[in-house]
Amino acid sequence: MRFFSFVIFSSLLLKLSLGDVGTATSYGPPYIPTACGGNMARQFPPGNLFVAVDEGLWDNGAACGRKYRIRCVSGNNKPCKGGSIDVKVVDFCASSPCPSTLLMSSDAFAAISRFPRAKINIEFTQ
């Protein structure tokens, strides 16, 4: 019985730890032009749930169009709302250095964080 409990517990931990971790901040309009779709408005998904990614995720532009599921895990003053959201990569964070792993549109950031100017710790999976 202990072995069975251990196996279930281990599989739950493995499932919870399959995502990557990083940081997220928000950015606001204007959102175009982007590195992925230029000035095309149709590149943005419904609800404006999109992100720009840092050099580590950019992959020489191969990140364009990728979808990520993002969950806020921590930050100062308990910013996380709970739950997760799905976002689409539409841009590259050209700032050097980029302030976070993912720069989230203000709408996407507001969906998972209580504070629009916070820097939060996130878990994300493709």
Protein backbone atom coordinates (compact mmCIF):
# COMPACT_ATOMS: atom_id res chain seq x y z
CA MET A 1 0.00 0.00 0.00
CA ARG A 2 2.84 2.41 0.80
CA PHE A 3 4.45 1.71 -2.55
CA PHE A 4 1.17 2.44 -4.34
CA SER A 5 0.80 5.73 -2.44
CA PHE A 6 4.40 6.64 -3.28
CA VAL A 7 3.82 5.98 -6.99
CA ILE A 8 0.69 8.17 -7.08
CA PHE A 9 2.39 10.96 -5.12
CA SER A 10 5.47 10.83 -7.38
CA SER A 11 3.39 10.94 -10.56
CA LEU A 12 1.51 13.99 -9.27
CA LEU A 13 4.77 15.78 -8.49
CA LEU A 14 6.14 14.92 -11.92
CA LYS A 15 3.02 16.25 -13.59
CA LEU A 16 3.23 19.50 -11.64
CA SER A 17 6.88 20.06 -12.46
CA LEU A 18 6.83 19.57 -16.23
CA GLY A 19 6.63 23.31 -16.96
CA ASP A 20 9.42 25.82 -17.26
CA VAL A 21 9.75 28.65 -14.78
CA GLY A 22 10.50 32.29 -15.44
CA THR A 23 9.27 35.80 -14.82
CA ALA A 24 6.61 37.96 -16.42
CA THR A 25 5.83 41.66 -16.64
CA SER A 26 3.22 43.53 -18.64
CA TYR A 27 3.51 45.94 -21.52
CA GLY A 28 0.92 48.16 -23.09
CA PRO A 29 0.01 49.55 -26.48
CA PRO A 30 0.99 50.32 -29.09
CA TYR A 31 1.56 46.65 -29.83
CA ILE A 32 2.33 47.00 -33.52
CA PRO A 33 4.50 46.58 -35.43
CA THR A 34 5.63 43.20 -34.08
CA ALA A 35 8.57 41.01 -35.04
CA CYS A 36 6.18 38.21 -36.03
CA GLY A 37 3.33 39.85 -37.92
CA GLY A 38 4.44 43.38 -38.66
CA ASN A 39 1.42 45.71 -38.76
CA MET A 40 -1.23 43.01 -39.26
CA ALA A 41 -3.98 43.34 -36.66
CA ARG A 42 -5.18 39.78 -37.30
CA GLN A 43 -2.04 38.35 -35.67
CA PHE A 44 -3.52 39.05 -32.22
CA PRO A 45 -5.64 36.30 -30.64
CA PRO A 46 -9.09 36.90 -29.15
CA GLY A 47 -9.00 38.71 -25.83
CA ASN A 48 -5.54 40.10 -26.60
CA LEU A 49 -3.91 37.18 -24.77
CA PHE A 50 -0.44 37.44 -26.29
CA VAL A 51 3.21 37.82 -25.28
CA ALA A 52 6.63 38.92 -26.43
CA VAL A 53 9.45 36.54 -25.50
CA ASP A 54 13.04 37.03 -24.43
CA GLU A 55 16.12 35.83 -26.31
CA GLY A 56 16.04 32.43 -24.57
CA LEU A 57 12.62 31.58 -26.02
CA TRP A 58 12.84 33.52 -29.29
CA ASP A 59 14.72 30.77 -31.16
CA ASN A 60 15.62 33.04 -34.11
CA GLY A 61 11.96 33.77 -34.76
CA ALA A 62 10.72 30.17 -34.55
CA ALA A 63 8.74 31.21 -31.46
CA CYS A 64 6.29 33.22 -33.58
CA GLY A 65 2.84 31.74 -33.20
CA ARG A 66 3.76 29.38 -30.38
CA LYS A 67 1.17 28.95 -27.69
CA TYR A 68 2.02 28.81 -24.01
CA ARG A 69 -0.08 28.06 -20.94
CA ILE A 70 1.00 30.43 -18.16
CA ARG A 71 0.34 30.26 -14.44
CA CYS A 72 1.37 32.87 -11.86
CA VAL A 73 3.14 31.14 -8.97
CA SER A 74 4.44 33.98 -6.77
CA GLY A 75 5.54 37.57 -6.42
CA ASN A 76 5.60 40.47 -3.98
CA ASN A 77 2.34 41.11 -2.08
CA LYS A 78 0.67 37.92 -3.36
CA PRO A 79 -0.18 39.08 -6.90
CA CYS A 80 -1.51 35.79 -8.27
CA LYS A 81 -5.20 35.45 -9.06
CA GLY A 82 -5.03 31.69 -9.55
CA GLY A 83 -5.68 29.62 -12.63
CA SER A 84 -3.85 29.76 -15.93
CA ILE A 85 -4.23 31.32 -19.35
CA ASP A 86 -3.21 30.42 -22.87
CA VAL A 87 -1.26 33.00 -24.83
CA LYS A 88 0.28 33.34 -28.29
CA VAL A 89 3.77 34.63 -29.08
CA VAL A 90 3.58 37.65 -31.38
CA ASP A 91 6.80 39.54 -30.67
CA PHE A 92 10.40 39.55 -29.52
CA CYS A 93 11.48 41.51 -26.45
CA ALA A 94 14.09 43.74 -28.05
CA SER A 95 15.09 45.48 -24.81
CA SER A 96 18.56 44.55 -23.70
CA PRO A 97 18.28 43.00 -21.25
CA CYS A 98 14.64 42.05 -21.44
CA PRO A 99 12.95 42.76 -18.07
CA SER A 100 11.41 39.27 -17.92
CA THR A 101 11.11 35.93 -19.67
CA LEU A 102 7.69 36.87 -21.03
CA LEU A 103 6.32 40.34 -21.63
CA MET A 104 2.57 39.90 -21.46
CA SER A 105 -0.02 42.16 -23.04
CA SER A 106 -1.77 44.19 -20.37
CA ASP A 107 -4.95 42.12 -20.87
CA ALA A 108 -3.10 38.81 -20.50
CA PHE A 109 -1.23 40.01 -17.43
CA ALA A 110 -4.43 41.29 -15.80
CA ALA A 111 -5.94 37.82 -16.21
CA ILE A 112 -3.40 36.26 -13.81
CA SER A 113 -2.06 39.12 -11.66
CA ARG A 114 -3.77 41.59 -9.35
CA PHE A 115 -1.12 44.27 -9.92
CA PRO A 116 -0.43 45.63 -13.44
CA ARG A 117 3.11 46.84 -12.70
CA ALA A 118 4.30 43.78 -10.80
CA LYS A 119 7.02 41.37 -11.79
CA ILE A 120 5.72 37.88 -11.14
CA ASN A 121 7.18 34.40 -11.11
CA ILE A 122 5.47 32.10 -13.56
CA GLU A 123 5.32 28.52 -14.71
CA PHE A 124 4.70 28.00 -18.42
CA THR A 125 4.35 25.09 -20.81
CA GLN A 126 4.15 24.99 -24.55
